[in-house]
PDB file of N, CA and C in Angstrom:
ATOM      1  N   MET A   1      40.033 -35.710 -45.232  1.00  0.00           N
ATOM      2  CA  MET A   1      40.384 -34.325 -45.453  1.00  0.00           C
ATOM      3  C   MET A   1      41.216 -33.822 -44.270  1.00  0.00           C
ATOM      4  N   THR A   2      42.317 -33.215 -44.548  1.00  0.00           N
ATOM      5  CA  THR A   2      43.187 -32.713 -43.483  1.00  0.00           C
ATOM      6  C   THR A   2      42.830 -31.274 -43.158  1.00  0.00           C
ATOM      7  N   GLU A   3      43.049 -30.945 -41.893  1.00  0.00           N
ATOM      8  CA  GLU A   3      42.750 -29.598 -41.449  1.00  0.00           C
ATOM      9  C   GLU A   3      43.996 -28.748 -41.603  1.00  0.00           C
ATOM     10  N   ARG A   4      43.805 -27.570 -42.199  1.00  0.00           N
ATOM     11  CA  ARG A   4      44.949 -26.681 -42.416  1.00  0.00           C
ATOM     12  C   ARG A   4      45.106 -25.713 -41.246  1.00  0.00           C
ATOM     13  N   GLU A   5      46.315 -25.319 -41.008  1.00  0.00           N
ATOM     14  CA  GLU A   5      46.627 -24.330 -39.974  1.00  0.00           C
ATOM     15  C   GLU A   5      46.081 -22.969 -40.431  1.00  0.00           C
ATOM     16  N   PRO A   6      45.409 -22.238 -39.530  1.00  0.00           N
ATOM     17  CA  PRO A   6      44.904 -20.915 -39.907  1.00  0.00           C
ATOM     18  C   PRO A   6      46.049 -19.991 -40.328  1.00  0.00           C
ATOM     19  N   THR A   7      45.726 -19.110 -41.227  1.00  0.00           N
ATOM     20  CA  THR A   7      46.727 -18.146 -41.707  1.00  0.00           C
ATOM     21  C   THR A   7      46.916 -17.057 -40.649  1.00  0.00           C
ATOM     22  N   PRO A   8      48.005 -16.296 -40.748  1.00  0.00           N
ATOM     23  CA  PRO A   8      48.208 -15.188 -39.804  1.00  0.00           C
ATOM     24  C   PRO A   8      47.028 -14.201 -39.813  1.00  0.00           C
ATOM     25  N   LYS A   9      46.454 -13.984 -40.965  1.00  0.00           N
ATOM     26  CA  LYS A   9      45.313 -13.077 -41.070  1.00  0.00           C
ATOM     27  C   LYS A   9      44.110 -13.637 -40.296  1.00  0.00           C
ATOM     28  N   GLN A  10      43.908 -14.940 -40.395  1.00  0.00           N
ATOM     29  CA  GLN A  10      42.806 -15.578 -39.662  1.00  0.00           C
ATOM     30  C   GLN A  10      43.064 -15.540 -38.155  1.00  0.00           C
ATOM     31  N   TRP A  11      44.327 -15.751 -37.761  1.00  0.00           N
ATOM     32  CA  TRP A  11      44.663 -15.663 -36.342  1.00  0.00           C
ATOM     33  C   TRP A  11      44.389 -14.257 -35.808  1.00  0.00           C
ATOM     34  N   LYS A  12      44.772 -13.257 -36.597  1.00  0.00           N
ATOM     35  CA  LYS A  12      44.551 -11.879 -36.182  1.00  0.00           C
ATOM     36  C   LYS A  12      43.058 -11.601 -36.052  1.00  0.00           C
ATOM     37  N   ARG A  13      42.267 -12.072 -36.997  1.00  0.00           N
ATOM     38  CA  ARG A  13      40.819 -11.881 -36.955  1.00  0.00           C
ATOM     39  C   ARG A  13      40.223 -12.553 -35.717  1.00  0.00           C
ATOM     40  N   ARG A  14      40.697 -13.758 -35.419  1.00  0.00           N
ATOM     41  CA  ARG A  14      40.227 -14.475 -34.230  1.00  0.00           C
ATOM     42  C   ARG A  14      40.591 -13.713 -32.951  1.00  0.00           C
ATOM     43  N   ALA A  15      41.820 -13.199 -32.911  1.00  0.00           N
ATOM     44  CA  ALA A  15      42.273 -12.458 -31.733  1.00  0.00           C
ATOM     45  C   ALA A  15      41.452 -11.189 -31.543  1.00  0.00           C
ATOM     46  N   LEU A  16      41.180 -10.473 -32.625  1.00  0.00           N
ATOM     47  CA  LEU A  16      40.380  -9.258 -32.525  1.00  0.00           C
ATOM     48  C   LEU A  16      38.955  -9.573 -32.074  1.00  0.00           C
ATOM     49  N   LYS A  17      38.409 -10.673 -32.581  1.00  0.00           N
ATOM     50  CA  LYS A  17      37.066 -11.083 -32.179  1.00  0.00           C
ATOM     51  C   LYS A  17      37.050 -11.445 -30.687  1.00  0.00           C
ATOM     52  N   ALA A  18      38.067 -12.156 -30.230  1.00  0.00           N
ATOM     53  CA  ALA A  18      38.151 -12.533 -28.819  1.00  0.00           C
ATOM     54  C   ALA A  18      38.296 -11.290 -27.934  1.00  0.00           C
ATOM     55  N   GLU A  19      39.093 -10.318 -28.362  1.00  0.00           N
ATOM     56  CA  GLU A  19      39.244  -9.085 -27.595  1.00  0.00           C
ATOM     57  C   GLU A  19      37.931  -8.324 -27.513  1.00  0.00           C
ATOM     58  N   ALA A  20      37.187  -8.285 -28.611  1.00  0.00           N
ATOM     59  CA  ALA A  20      35.894  -7.606 -28.619  1.00  0.00           C
ATOM     60  C   ALA A  20      34.912  -8.305 -27.685  1.00  0.00           C
ATOM     61  N   GLN A  21      34.915  -9.628 -27.698  1.00  0.00           N
ATOM     62  CA  GLN A  21      34.034 -10.377 -26.809  1.00  0.00           C
ATOM     63  C   GLN A  21      34.408 -10.140 -25.347  1.00  0.00           C
ATOM     64  N   LEU A  22      35.684 -10.129 -25.054  1.00  0.00           N
ATOM     65  CA  LEU A  22      36.151  -9.879 -23.695  1.00  0.00           C
ATOM     66  C   LEU A  22      35.732  -8.483 -23.226  1.00  0.00           C
ATOM     67  N   ALA A  23      35.898  -7.492 -24.086  1.00  0.00           N
ATOM     68  CA  ALA A  23      35.499  -6.132 -23.728  1.00  0.00           C
ATOM     69  C   ALA A  23      34.000  -6.070 -23.455  1.00  0.00           C
ATOM     70  N   SER A  24      33.226  -6.763 -24.245  1.00  0.00           N
ATOM     71  CA  SER A  24      31.781  -6.789 -24.055  1.00  0.00           C
ATOM     72  C   SER A  24      31.406  -7.437 -22.721  1.00  0.00           C
ATOM     73  N   ILE A  25      32.053  -8.538 -22.405  1.00  0.00           N
ATOM     74  CA  ILE A  25      31.792  -9.234 -21.139  1.00  0.00           C
ATOM     75  C   ILE A  25      32.196  -8.355 -19.960  1.00  0.00           C
ATOM     76  N   GLN A  26      33.329  -7.675 -20.078  1.00  0.00           N
ATOM     77  CA  GLN A  26      33.788  -6.797 -18.993  1.00  0.00           C
ATOM     78  C   GLN A  26      32.807  -5.648 -18.766  1.00  0.00           C
ATOM     79  N   LYS A  27      32.243  -5.098 -19.850  1.00  0.00           N
ATOM     80  CA  LYS A  27      31.257  -4.026 -19.712  1.00  0.00           C
ATOM     81  C   LYS A  27      29.999  -4.546 -19.020  1.00  0.00           C
ATOM     82  N   MET A  28      29.556  -5.740 -19.400  1.00  0.00           N
ATOM     83  CA  MET A  28      28.369  -6.318 -18.770  1.00  0.00           C
ATOM     84  C   MET A  28      28.607  -6.559 -17.285  1.00  0.00           C
ATOM     85  N   ARG A  29      29.769  -7.090 -16.938  1.00  0.00           N
ATOM     86  CA  ARG A  29      30.082  -7.351 -15.527  1.00  0.00           C
ATOM     87  C   ARG A  29      30.153  -6.057 -14.719  1.00  0.00           C
ATOM     88  N   ALA A  30      30.744  -5.030 -15.299  1.00  0.00           N
ATOM     89  CA  ALA A  30      30.830  -3.737 -14.605  1.00  0.00           C
ATOM     90  C   ALA A  30      29.429  -3.172 -14.376  1.00  0.00           C
ATOM     91  N   PHE A  31      28.558  -3.290 -15.390  1.00  0.00           N
ATOM     92  CA  PHE A  31      27.185  -2.816 -15.259  1.00  0.00           C
ATOM     93  C   PHE A  31      26.450  -3.595 -14.175  1.00  0.00           C
ATOM     94  N   GLU A  32      26.604  -4.924 -14.179  1.00  0.00           N
ATOM     95  CA  GLU A  32      25.963  -5.756 -13.161  1.00  0.00           C
ATOM     96  C   GLU A  32      26.472  -5.404 -11.763  1.00  0.00           C
ATOM     97  N   HIS A  33      27.770  -5.166 -11.659  1.00  0.00           N
ATOM     98  CA  HIS A  33      28.359  -4.804 -10.361  1.00  0.00           C
ATOM     99  C   HIS A  33      27.765  -3.489  -9.866  1.00  0.00           C
ATOM    100  N   GLU A  34      27.626  -2.518 -10.760  1.00  0.00           N
ATOM    101  CA  GLU A  34      27.065  -1.225 -10.373  1.00  0.00           C
ATOM    102  C   GLU A  34      25.608  -1.378  -9.935  1.00  0.00           C
ATOM    103  N   LEU A  35      24.839  -2.209 -10.631  1.00  0.00           N
ATOM    104  CA  LEU A  35      23.458  -2.452 -10.229  1.00  0.00           C
ATOM    105  C   LEU A  35      23.395  -3.085  -8.841  1.00  0.00           C
ATOM    106  N   GLU A  36      24.268  -4.047  -8.601  1.00  0.00           N
ATOM    107  CA  GLU A  36      24.282  -4.720  -7.306  1.00  0.00           C
ATOM    108  C   GLU A  36      24.692  -3.755  -6.190  1.00  0.00           C
ATOM    109  N   ALA A  37      25.687  -2.929  -6.449  1.00  0.00           N
ATOM    110  CA  ALA A  37      26.125  -1.957  -5.449  1.00  0.00           C
ATOM    111  C   ALA A  37      24.999  -0.964  -5.148  1.00  0.00           C
ATOM    112  N   ASP A  38      24.295  -0.530  -6.184  1.00  0.00           N
ATOM    113  CA  ASP A  38      23.168   0.387  -5.993  1.00  0.00           C
ATOM    114  C   ASP A  38      22.069  -0.278  -5.170  1.00  0.00           C
ATOM    115  N   PHE A  39      21.805  -1.538  -5.455  1.00  0.00           N
ATOM    116  CA  PHE A  39      20.811  -2.301  -4.705  1.00  0.00           C
ATOM    117  C   PHE A  39      21.166  -2.349  -3.230  1.00  0.00           C
ATOM    118  N   HIS A  40      22.422  -2.622  -2.913  1.00  0.00           N
ATOM    119  CA  HIS A  40      22.863  -2.701  -1.517  1.00  0.00           C
ATOM    120  C   HIS A  40      22.807  -1.330  -0.830  1.00  0.00           C
ATOM    121  N   ARG A  41      23.133  -0.273  -1.569  1.00  0.00           N
ATOM    122  CA  ARG A  41      23.025   1.080  -0.995  1.00  0.00           C
ATOM    123  C   ARG A  41      21.575   1.393  -0.634  1.00  0.00           C
ATOM    124  N   LYS A  42      20.659   1.033  -1.527  1.00  0.00           N
ATOM    125  CA  LYS A  42      19.237   1.296  -1.261  1.00  0.00           C
ATOM    126  C   LYS A  42      18.749   0.494  -0.062  1.00  0.00           C
ATOM    127  N   ILE A  43      19.132  -0.757   0.016  1.00  0.00           N
ATOM    128  CA  ILE A  43      18.715  -1.574   1.161  1.00  0.00           C
ATOM    129  C   ILE A  43      19.235  -0.976   2.460  1.00  0.00           C
ATOM    130  N   ALA A  44      20.479  -0.532   2.465  1.00  0.00           N
ATOM    131  CA  ALA A  44      21.050   0.076   3.667  1.00  0.00           C
ATOM    132  C   ALA A  44      20.287   1.347   4.040  1.00  0.00           C
ATOM    133  N   THR A  45      19.948   2.153   3.046  1.00  0.00           N
ATOM    134  CA  THR A  45      19.198   3.388   3.297  1.00  0.00           C
ATOM    135  C   THR A  45      17.824   3.072   3.876  1.00  0.00           C
ATOM    136  N   TYR A  46      17.133   2.103   3.279  1.00  0.00           N
ATOM    137  CA  TYR A  46      15.797   1.730   3.762  1.00  0.00           C
ATOM    138  C   TYR A  46      15.861   1.126   5.159  1.00  0.00           C
ATOM    139  N   THR A  47      16.903   0.373   5.437  1.00  0.00           N
ATOM    140  CA  THR A  47      17.059  -0.228   6.767  1.00  0.00           C
ATOM    141  C   THR A  47      17.206   0.857   7.826  1.00  0.00           C
ATOM    142  N   VAL A  48      18.021   1.847   7.544  1.00  0.00           N
ATOM    143  CA  VAL A  48      18.214   2.951   8.491  1.00  0.00           C
ATOM    144  C   VAL A  48      16.906   3.731   8.654  1.00  0.00           C
ATOM    145  N   ALA A  49      16.216   3.998   7.552  1.00  0.00           N
ATOM    146  CA  ALA A  49      14.962   4.749   7.626  1.00  0.00           C
ATOM    147  C   ALA A  49      13.922   3.988   8.447  1.00  0.00           C
ATOM    148  N   LEU A  50      13.820   2.685   8.239  1.00  0.00           N
ATOM    149  CA  LEU A  50      12.864   1.891   9.009  1.00  0.00           C
ATOM    150  C   LEU A  50      13.223   1.858  10.491  1.00  0.00           C
ATOM    151  N   LYS A  51      14.513   1.756  10.786  1.00  0.00           N
ATOM    152  CA  LYS A  51      14.946   1.753  12.183  1.00  0.00           C
ATOM    153  C   LYS A  51      14.598   3.083  12.851  1.00  0.00           C
ATOM    154  N   GLU A  52      14.848   4.188  12.152  1.00  0.00           N
ATOM    155  CA  GLU A  52      14.523   5.494  12.708  1.00  0.00           C
ATOM    156  C   GLU A  52      13.016   5.661  12.894  1.00  0.00           C
ATOM    157  N   ALA A  53      12.233   5.185  11.935  1.00  0.00           N
ATOM    158  CA  ALA A  53      10.776   5.268  12.062  1.00  0.00           C
ATOM    159  C   ALA A  53      10.307   4.434  13.251  1.00  0.00           C
ATOM    160  N   HIS A  54      10.871   3.251  13.405  1.00  0.00           N
ATOM    161  CA  HIS A  54      10.506   2.387  14.528  1.00  0.00           C
ATOM    162  C   HIS A  54      10.843   3.057  15.857  1.00  0.00           C
ATOM    163  N   GLU A  55      12.017   3.643  15.948  1.00  0.00           N
ATOM    164  CA  GLU A  55      12.421   4.333  17.170  1.00  0.00           C
ATOM    165  C   GLU A  55      11.504   5.518  17.459  1.00  0.00           C
ATOM    166  N   SER A  56      11.113   6.249  16.425  1.00  0.00           N
ATOM    167  CA  SER A  56      10.213   7.394  16.607  1.00  0.00           C
ATOM    168  C   SER A  56       8.842   6.940  17.090  1.00  0.00           C
ATOM    169  N   ILE A  57       8.325   5.880  16.511  1.00  0.00           N
ATOM    170  CA  ILE A  57       7.019   5.348  16.923  1.00  0.00           C
ATOM    171  C   ILE A  57       7.085   4.849  18.363  1.00  0.00           C
ATOM    172  N   THR A  58       8.158   4.146  18.677  1.00  0.00           N
ATOM    173  CA  THR A  58       8.325   3.643  20.044  1.00  0.00           C
ATOM    174  C   THR A  58       8.377   4.806  21.032  1.00  0.00           C
ATOM    175  N   TRP A  59       9.137   5.834  20.721  1.00  0.00           N
ATOM    176  CA  TRP A  59       9.222   7.007  21.595  1.00  0.00           C
ATOM    177  C   TRP A  59       7.863   7.666  21.758  1.00  0.00           C
ATOM    178  N   ALA A  60       7.128   7.825  20.623  1.00  0.00           N
ATOM    179  CA  ALA A  60       5.807   8.451  20.695  1.00  0.00           C
ATOM    180  C   ALA A  60       4.846   7.644  21.545  1.00  0.00           C
ATOM    181  N   LEU A  61       4.896   6.339  21.427  1.00  0.00           N
ATOM    182  CA  LEU A  61       4.023   5.487  22.241  1.00  0.00           C
ATOM    183  C   LEU A  61       4.378   5.589  23.721  1.00  0.00           C
ATOM    184  N   GLU A  62       5.657   5.692  24.018  1.00  0.00           N
ATOM    185  CA  GLU A  62       6.082   5.823  25.414  1.00  0.00           C
ATOM    186  C   GLU A  62       5.621   7.153  26.002  1.00  0.00           C
ATOM    187  N   GLN A  63       5.520   8.181  25.188  1.00  0.00           N
ATOM    188  CA  GLN A  63       5.102   9.500  25.655  1.00  0.00           C
ATOM    189  C   GLN A  63       3.604   9.522  25.986  1.00  0.00           C
ATOM    190  N   GLN A  64       2.840   8.611  25.386  1.00  0.00           N
ATOM    191  CA  GLN A  64       1.394   8.573  25.641  1.00  0.00           C
ATOM    192  C   GLN A  64       1.072   7.978  27.010  1.00  0.00           C
ATOM    193  N   THR A  65       1.961   7.201  27.556  1.00  0.00           N
ATOM    194  CA  THR A  65       1.667   6.539  28.842  1.00  0.00           C
ATOM    195  C   THR A  65       2.102   7.361  30.017  1.00  0.00           C
TER     196      THR A  65
END
C-alpha cells in the first residue's frame, strides 16, 4: 500500500494543531517561569529577614554583657 501525500486541508489542520500545541507549551513555560521567579523572590525576602533577625539577636545579646 502506498502512502498518499496529505491534502492542503490536512496540512492546514496539522499546522493549526501544531500552533495550538505551541501556544499551550508557551503558556505552561511562562507559568513555570513566574512560579520560579516568585520562589526566588520569597527566598531572597526570607534571607534578608533572617539576617536582620540574627543581627538583632546578636545586638541584644551584646547589650546584656
